Amino acid sequence: MAIFKEFKAFIMRGNVLDLAVAVVIGAAFTAIVSSLVDHVITPLLLTPALHAARLDDIDKLAWGTVKYGNFLSAVIKFVIVAFILFLIVKGFQSLEKKKEAAPPPAPPEPTMTEKLLMEIRDELKKRP
């Protein structure tokens, strides 16, 4: 059980959580850039060269089609991943706030022996 507490403390540190979010967002954004290049920019660049291709060369003509749907799909996936990460980070932050907002425990009540010693002390102070 101690290892789980250590792991939780490790994960709850700000830098680890920030790094994890950065890696996931970076990977999702890489997918957007790759989709933009592969499905939008490259086909637009190849289209003039493919106009000269014969109509029976279907494989080459398929390369020239701009696939906006694939690009929009990558953007939607990115937004979903970013929103889920936002919710996770917000949840971790609310847990941290709850821990910080908890009032410190009240000092323990003195034992019977301590009470008697305090009474003796007070009586001794009253003597001249």
C-alpha atoms as a PDB file:
ATOM      1  CA  MET A   1       0.000   0.000   0.000  1.00  0.00           C
ATOM      2  CA  ALA A   2       2.882   2.364   0.658  1.00  0.00           C
ATOM      3  CA  ILE A   3       3.979   2.115  -2.962  1.00  0.00           C
ATOM      4  CA  PHE A   4       0.556   3.314  -4.114  1.00  0.00           C
ATOM      5  CA  LYS A   5       0.755   6.320  -1.797  1.00  0.00           C
ATOM      6  CA  GLU A   6       4.208   7.148  -3.178  1.00  0.00           C
ATOM      7  CA  PHE A   7       2.940   6.741  -6.739  1.00  0.00           C
ATOM      8  CA  LYS A   8      -0.042   9.013  -6.023  1.00  0.00           C
ATOM      9  CA  ALA A   9       2.275  11.642  -4.520  1.00  0.00           C
ATOM     10  CA  PHE A  10       4.520  11.357  -7.585  1.00  0.00           C
ATOM     11  CA  ILE A  11       1.639  11.763 -10.032  1.00  0.00           C
ATOM     12  CA  MET A  12       0.084  14.644  -8.109  1.00  0.00           C
ATOM     13  CA  ARG A  13       3.217  16.749  -8.422  1.00  0.00           C
ATOM     14  CA  GLY A  14       2.621  19.596 -10.846  1.00  0.00           C
ATOM     15  CA  ASN A  15       5.593  18.973 -13.127  1.00  0.00           C
ATOM     16  CA  VAL A  16       4.692  15.320 -13.779  1.00  0.00           C
ATOM     17  CA  LEU A  17       1.100  16.166 -14.610  1.00  0.00           C
ATOM     18  CA  ASP A  18       2.185  19.065 -16.848  1.00  0.00           C
ATOM     19  CA  LEU A  19       4.673  16.841 -18.662  1.00  0.00           C
ATOM     20  CA  ALA A  20       2.072  14.130 -19.252  1.00  0.00           C
ATOM     21  CA  VAL A  21      -0.392  16.668 -20.625  1.00  0.00           C
ATOM     22  CA  ALA A  22       2.281  18.150 -22.887  1.00  0.00           C
ATOM     23  CA  VAL A  23       3.201  14.732 -24.314  1.00  0.00           C
ATOM     24  CA  VAL A  24      -0.413  13.773 -25.029  1.00  0.00           C
ATOM     25  CA  ILE A  25      -1.298  17.162 -26.530  1.00  0.00           C
ATOM     26  CA  GLY A  26       1.898  17.076 -28.604  1.00  0.00           C
ATOM     27  CA  ALA A  27       1.040  13.643 -29.991  1.00  0.00           C
ATOM     28  CA  ALA A  28      -2.508  14.715 -30.803  1.00  0.00           C
ATOM     29  CA  PHE A  29      -1.293  17.902 -32.485  1.00  0.00           C
ATOM     30  CA  THR A  30       1.235  15.875 -34.488  1.00  0.00           C
ATOM     31  CA  ALA A  31      -1.692  13.867 -35.851  1.00  0.00           C
ATOM     32  CA  ILE A  32      -3.353  17.113 -36.989  1.00  0.00           C
ATOM     33  CA  VAL A  33      -0.220  18.300 -38.775  1.00  0.00           C
ATOM     34  CA  SER A  34       0.330  14.899 -40.397  1.00  0.00           C
ATOM     35  CA  SER A  35      -3.265  14.790 -41.591  1.00  0.00           C
ATOM     36  CA  LEU A  36      -3.043  18.331 -42.952  1.00  0.00           C
ATOM     37  CA  VAL A  37       0.070  17.479 -44.920  1.00  0.00           C
ATOM     38  CA  ASP A  38      -1.004  13.992 -46.071  1.00  0.00           C
ATOM     39  CA  HIS A  39      -4.664  14.663 -46.843  1.00  0.00           C
ATOM     40  CA  VAL A  40      -4.843  18.334 -47.837  1.00  0.00           C
ATOM     41  CA  ILE A  41      -1.531  19.915 -48.839  1.00  0.00           C
ATOM     42  CA  THR A  42       0.112  17.003 -50.662  1.00  0.00           C
ATOM     43  CA  PRO A  43      -2.957  16.191 -52.805  1.00  0.00           C
ATOM     44  CA  LEU A  44      -3.284  19.863 -53.748  1.00  0.00           C
ATOM     45  CA  LEU A  45       0.351  19.900 -54.837  1.00  0.00           C
ATOM     46  CA  LEU A  46      -0.005  16.658 -56.803  1.00  0.00           C
ATOM     47  CA  THR A  47      -3.290  17.531 -58.520  1.00  0.00           C
ATOM     48  CA  PRO A  48      -1.791  19.490 -61.455  1.00  0.00           C
ATOM     49  CA  ALA A  49       0.629  16.642 -62.203  1.00  0.00           C
ATOM     50  CA  LEU A  50      -2.166  14.091 -62.031  1.00  0.00           C
ATOM     51  CA  HIS A  51      -4.364  15.922 -64.539  1.00  0.00           C
ATOM     52  CA  ALA A  52      -1.997  14.695 -67.177  1.00  0.00           C
ATOM     53  CA  ALA A  53      -2.458  11.082 -66.008  1.00  0.00           C
ATOM     54  CA  ARG A  54      -4.750   8.822 -67.916  1.00  0.00           C
ATOM     55  CA  LEU A  55      -8.205   8.141 -66.511  1.00  0.00           C
ATOM     56  CA  ASP A  56      -7.573   4.406 -66.354  1.00  0.00           C
ATOM     57  CA  ASP A  57      -4.770   4.947 -63.799  1.00  0.00           C
ATOM     58  CA  ILE A  58      -7.080   4.956 -60.767  1.00  0.00           C
ATOM     59  CA  ASP A  59      -4.346   4.572 -58.132  1.00  0.00           C
ATOM     60  CA  LYS A  60      -2.641   7.795 -59.180  1.00  0.00           C
ATOM     61  CA  LEU A  61      -5.936   9.671 -59.422  1.00  0.00           C
ATOM     62  CA  ALA A  62      -6.859   8.611 -55.882  1.00  0.00           C
ATOM     63  CA  TRP A  63      -3.668  10.280 -54.643  1.00  0.00           C
ATOM     64  CA  GLY A  64      -4.876  13.584 -56.017  1.00  0.00           C
ATOM     65  CA  THR A  65      -8.076  13.747 -53.996  1.00  0.00           C
ATOM     66  CA  VAL A  66      -8.149  16.145 -51.095  1.00  0.00           C
ATOM     67  CA  LYS A  67      -9.498  14.365 -48.041  1.00  0.00           C
ATOM     68  CA  TYR A  68     -10.921  17.167 -45.896  1.00  0.00           C
ATOM     69  CA  GLY A  69     -12.883  14.621 -43.882  1.00  0.00           C
ATOM     70  CA  ASN A  70      -9.710  12.927 -42.638  1.00  0.00           C
ATOM     71  CA  PHE A  71      -8.261  16.279 -41.633  1.00  0.00           C
ATOM     72  CA  LEU A  72     -11.467  17.319 -39.841  1.00  0.00           C
ATOM     73  CA  SER A  73     -11.506  13.945 -38.098  1.00  0.00           C
ATOM     74  CA  ALA A  74      -7.983  14.577 -36.775  1.00  0.00           C
ATOM     75  CA  VAL A  75      -9.019  18.036 -35.557  1.00  0.00           C
ATOM     76  CA  ILE A  76     -12.107  16.625 -33.800  1.00  0.00           C
ATOM     77  CA  LYS A  77     -10.002  13.903 -32.154  1.00  0.00           C
ATOM     78  CA  PHE A  78      -7.585  16.575 -30.950  1.00  0.00           C
ATOM     79  CA  VAL A  79     -10.390  18.652 -29.448  1.00  0.00           C
ATOM     80  CA  ILE A  80     -11.835  15.603 -27.684  1.00  0.00           C
ATOM     81  CA  VAL A  81      -8.427  14.576 -26.278  1.00  0.00           C
ATOM     82  CA  ALA A  82      -7.704  18.144 -25.167  1.00  0.00           C
ATOM     83  CA  PHE A  83     -11.108  18.411 -23.457  1.00  0.00           C
ATOM     84  CA  ILE A  84     -10.659  15.100 -21.633  1.00  0.00           C
ATOM     85  CA  LEU A  85      -7.201  16.192 -20.474  1.00  0.00           C
ATOM     86  CA  PHE A  86      -8.718  19.474 -19.297  1.00  0.00           C
ATOM     87  CA  LEU A  87     -11.247  17.549 -17.204  1.00  0.00           C
ATOM     88  CA  ILE A  88      -8.517  15.308 -15.751  1.00  0.00           C
ATOM     89  CA  VAL A  89      -6.302  18.261 -14.827  1.00  0.00           C
ATOM     90  CA  LYS A  90      -9.282  20.115 -13.363  1.00  0.00           C
ATOM     91  CA  GLY A  91     -10.099  17.036 -11.266  1.00  0.00           C
ATOM     92  CA  PHE A  92      -6.533  16.812  -9.973  1.00  0.00           C
ATOM     93  CA  GLN A  93      -6.553  20.510  -9.141  1.00  0.00           C
ATOM     94  CA  SER A  94      -9.824  20.192  -7.219  1.00  0.00           C
ATOM     95  CA  LEU A  95      -8.303  17.329  -5.221  1.00  0.00           C
ATOM     96  CA  GLU A  96      -5.312  19.519  -4.408  1.00  0.00           C
ATOM     97  CA  LYS A  97      -7.587  22.398  -3.337  1.00  0.00           C
ATOM     98  CA  LYS A  98      -9.560  20.085  -1.068  1.00  0.00           C
ATOM     99  CA  LYS A  99      -6.362  18.936   0.603  1.00  0.00           C
ATOM    100  CA  GLU A 100      -5.182  22.527   1.051  1.00  0.00           C
ATOM    101  CA  ALA A 101      -8.587  23.747   2.276  1.00  0.00           C
ATOM    102  CA  ALA A 102      -8.883  21.104   4.997  1.00  0.00           C
ATOM    103  CA  PRO A 103      -8.443  22.790   8.380  1.00  0.00           C
ATOM    104  CA  PRO A 104      -5.536  21.605  10.486  1.00  0.00           C
ATOM    105  CA  PRO A 105      -6.531  19.122  13.156  1.00  0.00           C
ATOM    106  CA  ALA A 106      -7.267  20.564  16.587  1.00  0.00           C
ATOM    107  CA  PRO A 107      -4.553  20.005  19.166  1.00  0.00           C
ATOM    108  CA  PRO A 108      -5.315  17.027  21.373  1.00  0.00           C
ATOM    109  CA  GLU A 109      -6.929  17.686  24.708  1.00  0.00           C
ATOM    110  CA  PRO A 110      -4.503  17.461  27.637  1.00  0.00           C
ATOM    111  CA  THR A 111      -4.447  14.184  29.499  1.00  0.00           C
ATOM    112  CA  MET A 112      -5.541  13.910  33.114  1.00  0.00           C
ATOM    113  CA  THR A 113      -1.915  13.923  34.256  1.00  0.00           C
ATOM    114  CA  GLU A 114      -1.181  17.084  32.276  1.00  0.00           C
ATOM    115  CA  LYS A 115      -4.285  18.766  33.723  1.00  0.00           C
ATOM    116  CA  LEU A 116      -3.176  17.917  37.270  1.00  0.00           C
ATOM    117  CA  LEU A 117       0.327  19.195  36.556  1.00  0.00           C
ATOM    118  CA  MET A 118      -1.097  22.464  35.196  1.00  0.00           C
ATOM    119  CA  GLU A 119      -3.234  22.897  38.318  1.00  0.00           C
ATOM    120  CA  ILE A 120      -0.202  22.304  40.529  1.00  0.00           C
ATOM    121  CA  ARG A 121       1.774  24.816  38.486  1.00  0.00           C
ATOM    122  CA  ASP A 122      -0.969  27.414  38.759  1.00  0.00           C
ATOM    123  CA  GLU A 123      -1.207  26.880  42.533  1.00  0.00           C
ATOM    124  CA  LEU A 124       2.530  27.226  42.898  1.00  0.00           C
ATOM    125  CA  LYS A 125       2.428  30.518  40.953  1.00  0.00           C
ATOM    126  CA  LYS A 126      -0.190  31.891  43.369  1.00  0.00           C
ATOM    127  CA  ARG A 127       2.076  31.362  46.399  1.00  0.00           C
ATOM    128  CA  PRO A 128       4.288  34.269  47.415  1.00  0.00           C
END
